[in-house]
Amino acid sequence: MTRHSIHSDGAPEAVGPYSQGVWAGDLLYLSGQAPLDPATGKLVEGGVGPQTQRVFDNLEAALAGTGLTMDDVVKCNVFLIDMGDFAAMNEVYGQRFAPPFPARSTVAVAGLPLGARVEIELIAKRPRVEAGLDTLGG
């Protein structure tokens, strides 16, 4: 299988040997996004609320580069370094999706890269296209 990776200038550059996202058929797997400002490469400060906003901004930029939106997301995996941050993360999360909400897992982890408090990865599905024409890349 040949991997078809994606790249968006609106999301931070990968900080290791991985792609921002990879197509697998009609599914787009986006790598976990940390709350990095793509213009500076620096971690957003101010706690889990502003960090979650930045993470979703990064994820939306990556999706937009493929023609997808948050409405195409089917699954999210959320990683928190402190489950005490759940309510603040969940408030932002609820503002970024409309019902019916995607499936989600939220887990506490011992640490995240660069001292981030939250990281989110997601899976989106390409909508069906007329007559099998593929206009969304991949």
Protein backbone atom coordinates (compact mmCIF):
# COMPACT_ATOMS: atom_id res chain seq x y z
CA MET A 1 0.00 0.00 0.00
CA THR A 2 1.24 3.46 -0.84
CA ARG A 3 0.64 6.06 1.85
CA HIS A 4 -0.88 9.31 0.67
CA SER A 5 0.13 11.94 3.21
CA ILE A 6 -1.29 15.42 3.59
CA HIS A 7 0.33 18.68 4.57
CA SER A 8 -1.19 22.02 5.54
CA ASP A 9 0.80 25.20 6.05
CA GLY A 10 -1.94 26.27 8.49
CA ALA A 11 -0.97 23.51 10.93
CA PRO A 12 2.39 23.14 12.67
CA GLU A 13 5.13 21.19 10.94
CA ALA A 14 5.60 17.65 12.19
CA VAL A 15 8.22 17.60 14.95
CA GLY A 16 9.34 14.08 14.13
CA PRO A 17 9.26 11.39 11.45
CA TYR A 18 5.50 11.39 10.85
CA SER A 19 2.94 13.00 8.55
CA GLN A 20 0.29 15.52 9.56
CA GLY A 21 -2.19 13.03 8.17
CA VAL A 22 -2.53 10.01 5.93
CA TRP A 23 -5.35 8.85 3.67
CA ALA A 24 -6.45 5.20 3.88
CA GLY A 25 -9.17 4.88 1.29
CA ASP A 26 -11.94 7.28 2.27
CA LEU A 27 -10.57 7.69 5.81
CA LEU A 28 -8.18 10.47 6.78
CA TYR A 29 -6.12 9.81 9.90
CA LEU A 30 -4.76 13.03 11.38
CA SER A 31 -1.77 12.77 13.69
CA GLY A 32 -2.13 14.08 17.20
CA GLN A 33 -1.90 17.85 17.30
CA ALA A 34 -0.26 19.66 20.16
CA PRO A 35 -1.22 23.27 20.96
CA LEU A 36 1.58 24.80 18.89
CA ASP A 37 1.18 28.12 17.13
CA PRO A 38 2.10 27.28 13.51
CA ALA A 39 3.53 30.79 12.97
CA THR A 40 6.00 30.59 15.86
CA GLY A 41 6.28 26.87 16.60
CA LYS A 42 5.79 27.74 20.28
CA LEU A 43 3.39 26.17 22.76
CA VAL A 44 0.26 28.25 23.45
CA GLU A 45 0.10 29.34 27.07
CA GLY A 46 -2.90 29.93 29.31
CA GLY A 47 -4.03 26.47 30.36
CA VAL A 48 -6.02 23.70 28.77
CA GLY A 49 -8.83 25.94 27.42
CA PRO A 50 -6.64 28.05 25.11
CA GLN A 51 -4.51 24.99 24.34
CA THR A 52 -7.58 23.01 23.24
CA GLN A 53 -8.69 25.93 21.04
CA ARG A 54 -5.26 25.95 19.34
CA VAL A 55 -5.30 22.17 18.87
CA PHE A 56 -8.67 22.40 17.11
CA ASP A 57 -7.46 25.33 14.99
CA ASN A 58 -4.54 23.14 13.88
CA LEU A 59 -6.78 20.14 13.18
CA GLU A 60 -9.24 22.28 11.21
CA ALA A 61 -6.40 23.71 9.11
CA ALA A 62 -5.22 20.20 8.27
CA LEU A 63 -8.77 19.13 7.39
CA ALA A 64 -9.37 22.24 5.27
CA GLY A 65 -6.35 21.41 3.14
CA THR A 66 -8.12 18.22 2.08
CA GLY A 67 -11.54 19.78 1.55
CA LEU A 68 -12.94 18.22 4.73
CA THR A 69 -14.47 19.93 7.76
CA MET A 70 -15.20 19.07 11.36
CA ASP A 71 -18.56 17.70 10.14
CA ASP A 72 -16.60 14.88 8.43
CA VAL A 73 -14.92 13.76 11.68
CA VAL A 74 -16.03 10.32 12.87
CA LYS A 75 -13.65 9.70 15.81
CA CYS A 76 -11.47 11.73 18.17
CA ASN A 77 -8.88 10.58 20.65
CA VAL A 78 -8.11 13.13 23.36
CA PHE A 79 -5.04 12.91 25.58
CA LEU A 80 -4.88 14.95 28.80
CA ILE A 81 -2.07 15.08 31.32
CA ASP A 82 -4.62 15.76 34.08
CA MET A 83 -8.24 14.55 34.09
CA GLY A 84 -8.93 17.63 36.21
CA ASP A 85 -8.71 19.47 32.85
CA PHE A 86 -11.57 17.42 31.39
CA ALA A 87 -14.34 19.99 31.93
CA ALA A 88 -12.36 22.86 30.35
CA MET A 89 -11.34 20.69 27.38
CA ASN A 90 -14.89 19.38 27.01
CA GLU A 91 -16.33 22.91 26.92
CA VAL A 92 -14.11 23.83 23.95
CA TYR A 93 -14.70 20.42 22.34
CA GLY A 94 -18.48 20.94 22.47
CA GLN A 95 -18.12 24.26 20.64
CA ARG A 96 -16.17 22.72 17.75
CA PHE A 97 -18.68 20.00 16.80
CA ALA A 98 -22.38 19.90 16.02
CA PRO A 99 -24.64 16.96 16.84
CA PRO A 100 -24.46 14.15 16.10
CA PHE A 101 -21.05 14.24 17.75
CA PRO A 102 -18.20 11.99 16.64
CA ALA A 103 -17.18 9.01 18.74
CA ARG A 104 -14.50 9.91 21.29
CA SER A 105 -12.04 8.49 23.77
CA THR A 106 -10.39 10.64 26.43
CA VAL A 107 -7.46 9.28 28.40
CA ALA A 108 -5.00 10.62 30.92
CA VAL A 109 -1.34 10.25 30.01
CA ALA A 110 1.84 10.71 32.03
CA GLY A 111 3.09 13.51 29.78
CA LEU A 112 2.87 15.10 26.35
CA PRO A 113 5.53 16.59 24.07
CA LEU A 114 6.80 20.09 24.84
CA GLY A 115 4.83 20.31 28.10
CA ALA A 116 1.41 20.43 26.41
CA ARG A 117 -1.65 19.78 28.57
CA VAL A 118 -3.74 18.34 25.70
CA GLU A 119 -3.25 16.55 22.40
CA ILE A 120 -6.00 15.44 20.03
CA GLU A 121 -5.94 13.14 17.02
CA LEU A 122 -8.86 12.39 14.78
CA ILE A 123 -10.24 10.32 11.96
CA ALA A 124 -12.41 11.88 9.25
CA LYS A 125 -14.28 10.25 6.39
CA ARG A 126 -14.41 11.61 2.88
CA PRO A 127 -18.02 12.14 1.75
CA ARG A 128 -19.23 10.05 -1.14
CA VAL A 129 -18.69 11.80 -4.44
CA GLU A 130 -20.84 11.65 -7.57
CA ALA A 131 -19.89 9.15 -10.29
CA GLY A 132 -16.78 8.09 -8.37
CA LEU A 133 -14.97 11.34 -9.10
CA ASP A 134 -12.35 12.09 -6.47
CA THR A 135 -11.89 15.83 -5.96
CA LEU A 136 -10.64 15.82 -2.38
CA GLY A 137 -7.15 14.43 -2.85
CA GLY A 138 -5.70 11.16 -1.71
